[in-house]
Amino acid sequence: MNRSTLLALVFSTVTPMAAQSASSIPAQVVDAAKREAIVAASLAPAEKELGANVRLGVRSIASDGDWAFLLADLQEPGGAPFDYSKSPLAEQAKQGLVSHRYAALLRQRDGQWTIVTERVGPTDPAWLGWSDKYGAPKDLFVTPD
C-alpha cells in the first residue's frame, strides 16, 4: 500500500467519526423503520397543501428523544422537481415566491409521529424559530446546507 492510499484510508475513516462527535450536529436518523415513519407522517400534510402526490427527497432527518426534524426537496413521484403549475401555489411559484424545499417538525406521542408544524416551499429557513416557539431541541435544526 502506498503512502497516498494509506492517507486516504485514514482520512476517510477518521474524518466522519470526528464530524459525528461534534456537539452541534444532531443525531441523524439511521434506523430505517423510524426514518420511514417520520417521512410517512411528513408526506400527508405536504400532499394535502399541494393537492397532489409528491415525493420527499430527504436531505436530512434529525431526532432527539421524541422530537424529529425533516428537511426535504419536493419532487414529482418520478423524482423530478415538483411542478407547482397545477397546485394552489402556482401563482406564487410563477413569481418565485416558493422553493422546492419542505421542512417539518414532528413529535412522537404514543408511538406515533405527528406534525407539530411544517412549511411547504419556504424561501427562507422558516424553521429557525421553531425551537423557541415549540420547545424542540435546538440541535435538531442544524442543516446540511
N, C-alpha and C. Protein backbone atom coordinates (compact mmCIF):
# COMPACT_ATOMS: atom_id res chain seq x y z
N MET A 1 0.86 -1.17 0.00
CA MET A 1 0.00 0.00 0.00
C MET A 1 0.90 1.23 0.00
N ASN A 2 0.66 2.15 -0.95
CA ASN A 2 1.50 3.34 -0.99
C ASN A 2 1.00 4.38 0.01
N ARG A 3 1.80 5.41 0.20
CA ARG A 3 1.52 6.42 1.22
C ARG A 3 0.21 7.17 0.96
N SER A 4 -0.06 7.56 -0.27
CA SER A 4 -1.28 8.31 -0.56
C SER A 4 -2.53 7.44 -0.34
N THR A 5 -2.46 6.16 -0.65
CA THR A 5 -3.58 5.26 -0.40
C THR A 5 -3.83 5.13 1.10
N LEU A 6 -2.74 5.00 1.86
CA LEU A 6 -2.86 4.89 3.31
C LEU A 6 -3.46 6.16 3.91
N LEU A 7 -3.00 7.34 3.46
CA LEU A 7 -3.55 8.60 3.97
C LEU A 7 -5.03 8.74 3.62
N ALA A 8 -5.39 8.37 2.40
CA ALA A 8 -6.79 8.44 2.00
C ALA A 8 -7.65 7.54 2.88
N LEU A 9 -7.16 6.35 3.18
CA LEU A 9 -7.87 5.42 4.04
C LEU A 9 -8.03 5.98 5.44
N VAL A 10 -6.98 6.55 6.00
CA VAL A 10 -7.02 7.13 7.34
C VAL A 10 -8.01 8.28 7.40
N PHE A 11 -7.93 9.21 6.44
CA PHE A 11 -8.81 10.38 6.48
C PHE A 11 -10.25 10.02 6.20
N SER A 12 -10.51 9.03 5.38
CA SER A 12 -11.90 8.64 5.12
C SER A 12 -12.51 7.96 6.32
N THR A 13 -11.70 7.41 7.19
CA THR A 13 -12.19 6.75 8.39
C THR A 13 -12.29 7.71 9.56
N VAL A 14 -11.29 8.55 9.73
CA VAL A 14 -11.23 9.44 10.89
C VAL A 14 -12.16 10.64 10.76
N THR A 15 -12.22 11.27 9.61
CA THR A 15 -12.99 12.49 9.44
C THR A 15 -14.47 12.31 9.77
N PRO A 16 -15.16 11.28 9.23
CA PRO A 16 -16.57 11.14 9.58
C PRO A 16 -16.79 10.93 11.07
N MET A 17 -15.92 10.19 11.75
CA MET A 17 -16.10 9.97 13.18
C MET A 17 -15.92 11.28 13.94
N ALA A 18 -14.96 12.08 13.56
CA ALA A 18 -14.74 13.36 14.23
C ALA A 18 -15.94 14.27 14.01
N ALA A 19 -16.46 14.28 12.79
CA ALA A 19 -17.61 15.13 12.50
C ALA A 19 -18.82 14.71 13.31
N GLN A 20 -19.01 13.41 13.49
CA GLN A 20 -20.18 12.93 14.22
C GLN A 20 -20.08 13.24 15.70
N SER A 21 -18.89 13.44 16.23
CA SER A 21 -18.78 13.68 17.65
C SER A 21 -19.00 15.14 18.02
N ALA A 22 -19.08 16.02 17.05
CA ALA A 22 -19.30 17.44 17.34
C ALA A 22 -20.67 17.61 17.98
N SER A 23 -20.73 18.40 19.03
CA SER A 23 -22.00 18.55 19.76
C SER A 23 -23.03 19.35 18.99
N SER A 24 -22.62 20.13 17.98
CA SER A 24 -23.58 20.93 17.24
C SER A 24 -24.28 20.14 16.13
N ILE A 25 -23.91 18.89 15.93
CA ILE A 25 -24.53 18.09 14.89
C ILE A 25 -25.57 17.17 15.53
N PRO A 26 -26.83 17.25 15.05
CA PRO A 26 -27.88 16.43 15.65
C PRO A 26 -27.71 14.96 15.29
N ALA A 27 -28.41 14.14 16.01
CA ALA A 27 -28.39 12.70 15.74
C ALA A 27 -29.20 12.45 14.48
N GLN A 28 -28.54 12.03 13.41
CA GLN A 28 -29.25 11.71 12.18
C GLN A 28 -29.94 10.37 12.36
N VAL A 29 -31.11 10.25 11.80
CA VAL A 29 -31.88 9.03 11.93
C VAL A 29 -31.28 7.97 11.01
N VAL A 30 -30.84 6.88 11.59
CA VAL A 30 -30.27 5.80 10.81
C VAL A 30 -31.15 4.55 10.85
N ASP A 31 -32.05 4.45 11.79
CA ASP A 31 -32.96 3.32 11.88
C ASP A 31 -34.00 3.45 10.75
N ALA A 32 -34.04 2.47 9.88
CA ALA A 32 -34.91 2.53 8.70
C ALA A 32 -36.39 2.65 9.07
N ALA A 33 -36.85 1.94 10.06
CA ALA A 33 -38.26 1.98 10.44
C ALA A 33 -38.63 3.37 10.98
N LYS A 34 -37.75 3.95 11.79
CA LYS A 34 -38.01 5.28 12.34
C LYS A 34 -38.01 6.32 11.22
N ARG A 35 -37.04 6.22 10.34
CA ARG A 35 -36.95 7.13 9.20
C ARG A 35 -38.22 7.05 8.35
N GLU A 36 -38.65 5.84 8.05
CA GLU A 36 -39.84 5.63 7.23
C GLU A 36 -41.09 6.22 7.89
N ALA A 37 -41.21 6.04 9.20
CA ALA A 37 -42.37 6.57 9.93
C ALA A 37 -42.37 8.10 9.91
N ILE A 38 -41.21 8.72 10.05
CA ILE A 38 -41.11 10.19 10.04
C ILE A 38 -41.46 10.73 8.66
N VAL A 39 -40.93 10.10 7.62
CA VAL A 39 -41.22 10.53 6.25
C VAL A 39 -42.71 10.36 5.94
N ALA A 40 -43.29 9.23 6.33
CA ALA A 40 -44.72 8.98 6.08
C ALA A 40 -45.59 10.02 6.77
N ALA A 41 -45.26 10.35 8.00
CA ALA A 41 -46.05 11.35 8.74
C ALA A 41 -45.89 12.74 8.13
N SER A 42 -44.75 13.00 7.52
CA SER A 42 -44.48 14.31 6.91
C SER A 42 -45.13 14.46 5.54
N LEU A 43 -45.31 13.37 4.86
CA LEU A 43 -45.81 13.39 3.49
C LEU A 43 -47.25 13.86 3.37
N ALA A 44 -48.13 13.37 4.23
CA ALA A 44 -49.56 13.68 4.13
C ALA A 44 -49.85 15.19 4.17
N PRO A 45 -49.27 15.95 5.09
CA PRO A 45 -49.56 17.39 5.09
C PRO A 45 -49.04 18.11 3.83
N ALA A 46 -47.90 17.67 3.30
CA ALA A 46 -47.37 18.27 2.08
C ALA A 46 -48.31 18.00 0.90
N GLU A 47 -48.75 16.76 0.79
CA GLU A 47 -49.66 16.41 -0.31
C GLU A 47 -50.99 17.14 -0.17
N LYS A 48 -51.47 17.29 1.04
CA LYS A 48 -52.74 18.00 1.25
C LYS A 48 -52.61 19.46 0.83
N GLU A 49 -51.54 20.11 1.23
CA GLU A 49 -51.36 21.52 0.89
C GLU A 49 -51.16 21.73 -0.61
N LEU A 50 -50.50 20.79 -1.26
CA LEU A 50 -50.22 20.92 -2.69
C LEU A 50 -51.32 20.33 -3.57
N GLY A 51 -52.21 19.54 -2.98
CA GLY A 51 -53.29 18.93 -3.74
C GLY A 51 -52.78 17.95 -4.78
N ALA A 52 -51.66 17.31 -4.50
CA ALA A 52 -51.06 16.39 -5.46
C ALA A 52 -50.18 15.37 -4.75
N ASN A 53 -49.90 14.27 -5.43
CA ASN A 53 -48.94 13.31 -4.92
C ASN A 53 -47.54 13.89 -5.06
N VAL A 54 -46.77 13.80 -4.01
CA VAL A 54 -45.39 14.27 -4.06
C VAL A 54 -44.48 13.20 -3.47
N ARG A 55 -43.22 13.38 -3.74
CA ARG A 55 -42.18 12.55 -3.15
C ARG A 55 -41.29 13.49 -2.36
N LEU A 56 -40.85 13.06 -1.20
CA LEU A 56 -39.93 13.86 -0.40
C LEU A 56 -38.51 13.34 -0.62
N GLY A 57 -37.71 14.14 -1.28
CA GLY A 57 -36.29 13.82 -1.46
C GLY A 57 -35.56 14.26 -0.20
N VAL A 58 -35.41 13.37 0.74
CA VAL A 58 -34.90 13.71 2.07
C VAL A 58 -33.46 14.22 1.99
N ARG A 59 -33.25 15.40 2.55
CA ARG A 59 -31.91 15.96 2.70
C ARG A 59 -31.34 15.55 4.05
N SER A 60 -32.18 15.65 5.09
CA SER A 60 -31.75 15.22 6.42
C SER A 60 -32.97 14.96 7.29
N ILE A 61 -32.78 14.04 8.22
CA ILE A 61 -33.75 13.79 9.28
C ILE A 61 -32.93 13.70 10.56
N ALA A 62 -33.26 14.54 11.51
CA ALA A 62 -32.59 14.51 12.80
C ALA A 62 -33.63 14.22 13.88
N SER A 63 -33.21 13.52 14.91
CA SER A 63 -34.12 13.27 16.01
C SER A 63 -33.40 13.41 17.34
N ASP A 64 -34.17 13.77 18.34
CA ASP A 64 -33.66 13.91 19.70
C ASP A 64 -34.82 13.57 20.62
N GLY A 65 -34.76 12.42 21.24
CA GLY A 65 -35.87 11.99 22.10
C GLY A 65 -37.13 11.81 21.28
N ASP A 66 -38.19 12.50 21.68
CA ASP A 66 -39.46 12.35 20.96
C ASP A 66 -39.67 13.44 19.91
N TRP A 67 -38.61 14.16 19.55
CA TRP A 67 -38.67 15.20 18.52
C TRP A 67 -37.93 14.75 17.27
N ALA A 68 -38.40 15.22 16.11
CA ALA A 68 -37.70 14.98 14.85
C ALA A 68 -37.89 16.18 13.93
N PHE A 69 -36.89 16.42 13.11
CA PHE A 69 -36.94 17.48 12.11
C PHE A 69 -36.55 16.89 10.77
N LEU A 70 -37.39 17.10 9.77
CA LEU A 70 -37.14 16.62 8.42
C LEU A 70 -36.95 17.80 7.49
N LEU A 71 -35.94 17.75 6.67
CA LEU A 71 -35.71 18.74 5.62
C LEU A 71 -35.62 17.96 4.32
N ALA A 72 -36.46 18.32 3.35
CA ALA A 72 -36.53 17.56 2.10
C ALA A 72 -36.77 18.47 0.91
N ASP A 73 -36.57 17.91 -0.27
CA ASP A 73 -36.91 18.57 -1.52
C ASP A 73 -38.23 18.00 -2.00
N LEU A 74 -39.14 18.87 -2.45
CA LEU A 74 -40.41 18.42 -3.01
C LEU A 74 -40.17 17.94 -4.43
N GLN A 75 -40.62 16.72 -4.71
CA GLN A 75 -40.39 16.12 -6.02
C GLN A 75 -41.66 15.50 -6.57
N GLU A 76 -41.69 15.36 -7.88
CA GLU A 76 -42.73 14.58 -8.53
C GLU A 76 -42.50 13.11 -8.14
N PRO A 77 -43.51 12.26 -8.24
CA PRO A 77 -43.32 10.85 -7.88
C PRO A 77 -42.13 10.19 -8.60
N GLY A 78 -41.78 10.65 -9.79
CA GLY A 78 -40.65 10.09 -10.52
C GLY A 78 -39.30 10.66 -10.12
N GLY A 79 -39.30 11.68 -9.28
CA GLY A 79 -38.04 12.25 -8.79
C GLY A 79 -37.69 13.62 -9.34
N ALA A 80 -38.40 14.10 -10.34
CA ALA A 80 -38.14 15.45 -10.88
C ALA A 80 -38.62 16.49 -9.86
N PRO A 81 -38.09 17.72 -9.92
CA PRO A 81 -38.59 18.76 -9.02
C PRO A 81 -40.11 18.92 -9.17
N PHE A 82 -40.79 19.19 -8.08
CA PHE A 82 -42.24 19.32 -8.09
C PHE A 82 -42.68 20.44 -9.01
N ASP A 83 -43.71 20.17 -9.79
CA ASP A 83 -44.29 21.15 -10.72
C ASP A 83 -45.46 21.83 -10.02
N TYR A 84 -45.26 23.08 -9.65
CA TYR A 84 -46.29 23.83 -8.93
C TYR A 84 -47.44 24.29 -9.83
N SER A 85 -47.32 24.15 -11.14
CA SER A 85 -48.27 24.78 -12.06
C SER A 85 -49.73 24.38 -11.84
N LYS A 86 -50.00 23.20 -11.32
CA LYS A 86 -51.38 22.76 -11.08
C LYS A 86 -51.70 22.68 -9.60
N SER A 87 -50.94 23.39 -8.80
CA SER A 87 -51.14 23.36 -7.35
C SER A 87 -51.72 24.70 -6.87
N PRO A 88 -52.19 24.75 -5.64
CA PRO A 88 -52.67 26.02 -5.09
C PRO A 88 -51.57 27.10 -5.00
N LEU A 89 -50.32 26.69 -5.12
CA LEU A 89 -49.21 27.65 -5.03
C LEU A 89 -48.67 28.04 -6.41
N ALA A 90 -49.45 27.78 -7.47
CA ALA A 90 -48.99 28.04 -8.84
C ALA A 90 -48.60 29.50 -9.06
N GLU A 91 -49.43 30.41 -8.62
CA GLU A 91 -49.14 31.84 -8.84
C GLU A 91 -47.90 32.28 -8.06
N GLN A 92 -47.78 31.85 -6.81
CA GLN A 92 -46.59 32.19 -6.03
C GLN A 92 -45.33 31.61 -6.68
N ALA A 93 -45.44 30.41 -7.25
CA ALA A 93 -44.29 29.78 -7.91
C ALA A 93 -43.87 30.58 -9.14
N LYS A 94 -44.84 31.07 -9.92
CA LYS A 94 -44.54 31.90 -11.09
C LYS A 94 -43.76 33.15 -10.69
N GLN A 95 -44.06 33.66 -9.51
CA GLN A 95 -43.41 34.88 -9.02
C GLN A 95 -42.11 34.59 -8.27
N GLY A 96 -41.74 33.32 -8.17
CA GLY A 96 -40.51 32.95 -7.47
C GLY A 96 -40.62 33.03 -5.96
N LEU A 97 -41.83 32.93 -5.45
CA LEU A 97 -42.06 33.08 -4.01
C LEU A 97 -42.11 31.77 -3.25
N VAL A 98 -41.86 30.67 -3.92
CA VAL A 98 -41.79 29.36 -3.26
C VAL A 98 -40.55 28.62 -3.76
N SER A 99 -40.05 27.77 -2.90
CA SER A 99 -38.90 26.94 -3.26
C SER A 99 -39.38 25.50 -3.41
N HIS A 100 -38.47 24.61 -3.66
CA HIS A 100 -38.80 23.19 -3.70
C HIS A 100 -38.46 22.49 -2.39
N ARG A 101 -38.30 23.26 -1.33
CA ARG A 101 -37.98 22.70 -0.02
C ARG A 101 -39.25 22.38 0.76
N TYR A 102 -39.07 21.46 1.69
CA TYR A 102 -40.13 21.13 2.63
C TYR A 102 -39.47 20.89 3.98
N ALA A 103 -40.02 21.48 5.02
CA ALA A 103 -39.49 21.31 6.37
C ALA A 103 -40.63 20.92 7.30
N ALA A 104 -40.36 19.98 8.18
CA ALA A 104 -41.39 19.53 9.12
C ALA A 104 -40.77 19.25 10.48
N LEU A 105 -41.45 19.71 11.51
CA LEU A 105 -41.11 19.40 12.89
C LEU A 105 -42.16 18.42 13.38
N LEU A 106 -41.69 17.30 13.92
CA LEU A 106 -42.59 16.25 14.38
C LEU A 106 -42.32 15.91 15.83
N ARG A 107 -43.33 15.34 16.45
CA ARG A 107 -43.18 14.86 17.83
C ARG A 107 -43.84 13.49 17.92
N GLN A 108 -43.21 12.61 18.65
CA GLN A 108 -43.74 11.27 18.82
C GLN A 108 -44.53 11.20 20.12
N ARG A 109 -45.77 10.74 19.98
CA ARG A 109 -46.64 10.53 21.14
C ARG A 109 -47.36 9.22 20.96
N ASP A 110 -47.35 8.41 21.99
CA ASP A 110 -47.99 7.10 21.95
C ASP A 110 -47.53 6.28 20.74
N GLY A 111 -46.23 6.39 20.43
CA GLY A 111 -45.65 5.61 19.35
C GLY A 111 -45.90 6.13 17.94
N GLN A 112 -46.59 7.26 17.81
CA GLN A 112 -46.91 7.82 16.50
C GLN A 112 -46.23 9.17 16.30
N TRP A 113 -45.63 9.37 15.13
CA TRP A 113 -45.06 10.67 14.79
C TRP A 113 -46.17 11.55 14.22
N THR A 114 -46.30 12.74 14.78
CA THR A 114 -47.29 13.69 14.29
C THR A 114 -46.62 15.03 14.01
N ILE A 115 -47.18 15.76 13.07
CA ILE A 115 -46.64 17.06 12.68
C ILE A 115 -46.97 18.09 13.76
N VAL A 116 -45.96 18.81 14.19
CA VAL A 116 -46.15 19.95 15.08
C VAL A 116 -46.35 21.19 14.21
N THR A 117 -45.47 21.35 13.22
CA THR A 117 -45.58 22.42 12.24
C THR A 117 -44.78 22.02 11.02
N GLU A 118 -45.12 22.64 9.89
CA GLU A 118 -44.40 22.33 8.65
C GLU A 118 -44.50 23.52 7.71
N ARG A 119 -43.60 23.54 6.73
CA ARG A 119 -43.62 24.59 5.71
C ARG A 119 -43.36 23.98 4.35
N VAL A 120 -44.25 24.28 3.41
CA VAL A 120 -44.10 23.86 2.03
C VAL A 120 -43.52 25.04 1.25
N GLY A 121 -42.40 24.80 0.58
CA GLY A 121 -41.81 25.81 -0.29
C GLY A 121 -41.23 27.05 0.37
N PRO A 122 -40.63 26.94 1.55
CA PRO A 122 -40.10 28.16 2.18
C PRO A 122 -38.93 28.72 1.36
N THR A 123 -38.87 30.04 1.30
CA THR A 123 -37.76 30.70 0.61
C THR A 123 -36.72 31.20 1.61
N ASP A 124 -37.00 30.99 2.87
CA ASP A 124 -36.05 31.32 3.94
C ASP A 124 -36.05 30.14 4.92
N PRO A 125 -35.09 30.09 5.82
CA PRO A 125 -35.09 28.98 6.80
C PRO A 125 -36.17 29.19 7.86
N ALA A 126 -37.39 28.89 7.50
CA ALA A 126 -38.57 29.12 8.35
C ALA A 126 -38.46 28.44 9.69
N TRP A 127 -37.65 27.42 9.78
CA TRP A 127 -37.54 26.59 10.99
C TRP A 127 -36.65 27.20 12.06
N LEU A 128 -35.98 28.31 11.79
CA LEU A 128 -35.04 28.88 12.76
C LEU A 128 -35.68 29.24 14.10
N GLY A 129 -36.93 29.63 14.12
CA GLY A 129 -37.60 29.98 15.37
C GLY A 129 -38.39 28.84 15.99
N TRP A 130 -38.40 27.68 15.36
CA TRP A 130 -39.23 26.58 15.84
C TRP A 130 -38.78 26.04 17.19
N SER A 131 -37.51 26.09 17.47
CA SER A 131 -37.04 25.60 18.77
C SER A 131 -37.64 26.42 19.90
N ASP A 132 -37.57 27.73 19.80
CA ASP A 132 -38.13 28.60 20.83
C ASP A 132 -39.65 28.51 20.87
N LYS A 133 -40.27 28.51 19.71
CA LYS A 133 -41.73 28.53 19.64
C LYS A 133 -42.37 27.24 20.15
N TYR A 134 -41.75 26.10 19.84
CA TYR A 134 -42.37 24.82 20.17
C TYR A 134 -41.64 24.03 21.25
N GLY A 135 -40.48 24.50 21.69
CA GLY A 135 -39.74 23.82 22.74
C GLY A 135 -38.92 22.63 22.27
N ALA A 136 -38.67 22.56 20.97
CA ALA A 136 -37.87 21.46 20.42
C ALA A 136 -36.38 21.73 20.65
N PRO A 137 -35.57 20.69 20.75
CA PRO A 137 -34.13 20.87 20.93
C PRO A 137 -33.50 21.66 19.77
N LYS A 138 -32.66 22.63 20.09
CA LYS A 138 -32.02 23.48 19.08
C LYS A 138 -31.16 22.69 18.11
N ASP A 139 -30.51 21.65 18.58
CA ASP A 139 -29.61 20.87 17.72
C ASP A 139 -30.32 20.17 16.57
N LEU A 140 -31.62 20.02 16.64
CA LEU A 140 -32.36 19.40 15.54
C LEU A 140 -32.22 20.18 14.25
N PHE A 141 -32.09 21.49 14.37
CA PHE A 141 -32.21 22.37 13.22
C PHE A 141 -30.90 22.71 12.55
N VAL A 142 -29.84 21.99 12.88
CA VAL A 142 -28.57 22.13 12.17
C VAL A 142 -28.74 21.40 10.85
N THR A 143 -28.73 22.15 9.75
CA THR A 143 -29.00 21.54 8.44
C THR A 143 -27.73 21.38 7.63
N PRO A 144 -27.75 20.49 6.65
CA PRO A 144 -26.56 20.20 5.87
C PRO A 144 -26.14 21.30 4.92
N ASP A 145 -26.97 22.29 4.72
CA ASP A 145 -26.59 23.39 3.81
C ASP A 145 -27.14 24.71 4.26
